[in-house]
């Protein structure tokens, strides 16, 4: 019902006067004696009825209060919870509990923890419901939604009550509430990007059947990115409500519990009625009103009166407070705030579609958010968990990260994935419309346009991963064509600002190329540029012209356009046929693996010998496959052509030149840092810098970057494999398994994830499952030979050298069959080194010679390293020195060759010749890489040789410490021979130091490992003799 101002004042007057009476019956009796008009009396009675529920509402208000300097929480700093979390400091107190900053001792990571009120924790029925709520909250996965990690109970053995709490990732940022308190109101151009993100997050929650129930500025976190943009993330889904729940109350079990914040509640929530998504949309309307006007709805009333007034009254339009807002904002807000849920928007996507279109030239620069821990609910998830049907639809390719298992060690490889910074305008690139009837224009035009536009940091073309995610939210397959309509829906859903769509048509005189910039919502283009050419060979030039012409209309400055202005035919190729082959190569890479992409990239180069990025992609594929010499040749050619590409592609080529050709890790990392400053949110530098951190054993930094990659580009399979491998390397197998499970749920099963799956099975000792995995993939290109090589390393470690040799030769034969001679030689050389380490000298020499004799493989640096190491082990000093000289000459700048492999191999030579002191001196330069992950198979070799040298010097205790250090890193050495040999070394070192009991135990551990070993094998026989001598 509608009230005039005087009628509403009468309602307020009677309502407040009735509250003087303590009993509800007395209030109603008094009201009837006053004899107000029927409509006023009905309104007051409804308010009095709602007041009973609203009283609960106030007691359970979830708004958090910032602590004063003297205020303390119930948990003192230093308190250990659940034997895992150390409390650092109290942050805030709210209706649901208290929030603290804490240190996760298991992972040495800062987190936030939120304690839960005792009336929930101590009530079995309420606790069961709360656990279901937490489970529901974990289902909400979206870049604009914060998530909790897990639920814990701390058993208080000192006599106090238990502490129930949830763990969350600590984020440095602030809330929208704090931002608005400082700013007052936001201009529409600044509010729109935030609202798109907020609505996208709400829609994601509703899609999985979860309501928030407490949407308000204090539950929206703002995170300042490096580029100055703001990311909005909705927090506090710990109060989430399942749309399919029975409605049982946490408090009484009799009905829905009224919970939330009065100033941002819907009428049905105030009255305790059934909640639907429309309730959250009402709260969002209140949030939008606060953002664009600077005040809450009905701001002149107390919070309770304002909440009760919203039960039946539509607020005045926002334009009354801010006239320049216009009717479009009025229509949006008032429809959200209709008291009748049925008359509101049908869903969050509908609200998103109704947002007023932005001014194309508007590029707001948000005020910096204070970088202090947000104290509402501070959670950011390192790896988003999207839906189980997340597959691939790719135009820009993503490298299938491969794991080179040269001889049973872990190696992370380079990516070419690219995501883009959000610095100016975010746009969805729709599929090109080709009406010429010439298939060559179907995909090539978008590739050329994408390369042209991506060179500027101002424009962010939405990544393929986010587009796929948007399609899934809309119930569409990954392969759905991005028509203008579909692209617009994705644009609205995922929080972009515009759609770009090109078209090409035949004319009597040639071709017309048109590029349009359109708002996300249906409507006319706000910019259109076109060019006409007479010949097919001029089409790419025309595309370049329209792309340059439209950039000012999108808001890019003249200075930026001038700086980032490489022509499209230089950034890619003037040959449309070459561009088509390049596109097909990317598609094959994503769907069928790197081997399948090779012929396409080679064909693109044959069509245009100056196609720089085709050389770069070809070199990356070869490098990831272990074909180092072919990788060097291709990337060197790309490097020679680097002046013909965009600034972003130049970063790619130069960094890969340092990675694959010169091996200069320091210059490679410096290039990534420069890349990061120019394009802060690109994925390629993020992922590859993580690889470099792993090379130097900086696993915390490597893990952090891979988590960022997954968060920023969900659906990228290689990052899941990388992250799982890193977790395993630091002996966190449960987290590694969780990452692999997540990848499996998203249908992101590539070669890398299956190799890590093998590693996890090995870590758990599941030999049957390992063999089954190898057998199931043996004939698959790009994975079969790698798994065979892994199994070879496993058999050797178990002491079955014959089986190890057989598996290695099968791996080599398969790689040779697939056209990868250097990889084939790698498998043979790796087996030679394992045989040498385990004492089978004759077979080792035979295999080393065979590896060097493999056609087109002898020049590969990995093959040379492995054979030189084998020769040093077996006493083939002359050949080892010759290979070392070749490595030093051919790789004068290579960080790993010069600072690790040459010193380690020379140390092995010195030790073989009986010079332990010289061995220790030679190993000193390698300490920097002791725990690095790199090819051709790092197995803590320097640490192992150091331990052997100490043993030769009869320094048993020091040697035992070195051997023990190797054994302490199970997830790093895995099936390396050093993981078995260190056990033997430990037994010998303990015996040498006089600890016979511990020595016998170490020998017994070794014999358990070698229970199926050939007893005639040299090391097994000598170990048995040594053990008998101890007895």
Foldseek 3Di string as FASTA:
>chain_A
DADDPVLVVVLVVLLVVLVVDPDLVSSLVVLVVVPDPPVSNVLSNVLSLLVVQVVLAVLQAFDKDFDDPPDAFPDDAQDDFPVFKGFHGWGTAGNQATKTWIAGRVVRAIWIKGWGDCLQVVDVVLVVVLQVLLVLQLQQFDLQAFHWDDWDWGPDPVPDDIIIMTIFHWAFFAFQVVVLVVVLADDLLQVQLALLSVLLSQLSSVLQQKHQQADARLQWTWHQDPLQRTRIHGHDSSVIDGNPDPQQDSNPRPGHRLYYHLLQFALCSSSRHRDDQLRVLLSVLQRNLCHHQSAGFVRVDDSSVSSSVLLAYQTDFSCVRVVVPDVLSRVLSRLSSHNDSVSHDPGSLSSLLSRDADQLQDFDRDDDTRGHTYGSHGHDFLFTQDFLAFADDDQQFWFQWAFFCLFAFTATAAIDAWFFFANAFEEEEAFEAEPAPDCLCRRLLVVLLCQQVRLFNNYGHGHLLLLCRQCVSVVHHSNDHRDLLSRLSSCSSSSGRWYKYWYWYADPQGIKIKIFIGGSHDDDTPDMDMDDDRDPLCVQVRSLVNSLVCVVSSNDDPVRCVQFRQRSCLQFNSDSQLSVLVSVLSVCCRPANLLRSQVSLVVSCVVPVLGLVSLLSNLSSCVSLQVLVSSQVSLVSSQVNLVSHRPLVSLSSVLVCCVRHQQQLVVSLVSLVVSCVRTVLILRSLQVNLSSCQQQPVLVSSLSSLSSSSSSRPSNLSSLLSNLLSCLQQPNNVVSVVSLVSCNSSVSDDLSSLVSVLLSCLLVPVVVVLVVSQVVCLQRPPRNLSSLLNVLLQCLLLQALVSSQVSLQSSLVNCVVSPNQQSSLSSLLSSLQSCLVLQVLVSSVVSLVVSCPRPPHVLRLQNLLSSLLSCLSNVVVVSNVVSLVSLCVSRVNNCCSVQPSSLLSVLSNCVVVPNLVVSVVSLVSNPSRQSHRHPPRRQSSSLQSNLVSCVSVLVLVVSLVSLVVSCVRCSRNRSHSSNLVSLLSNLSSCVSVPNLVVSLVSLVVSCVSNVVHDCPRVVNVVSVVVNVVSD
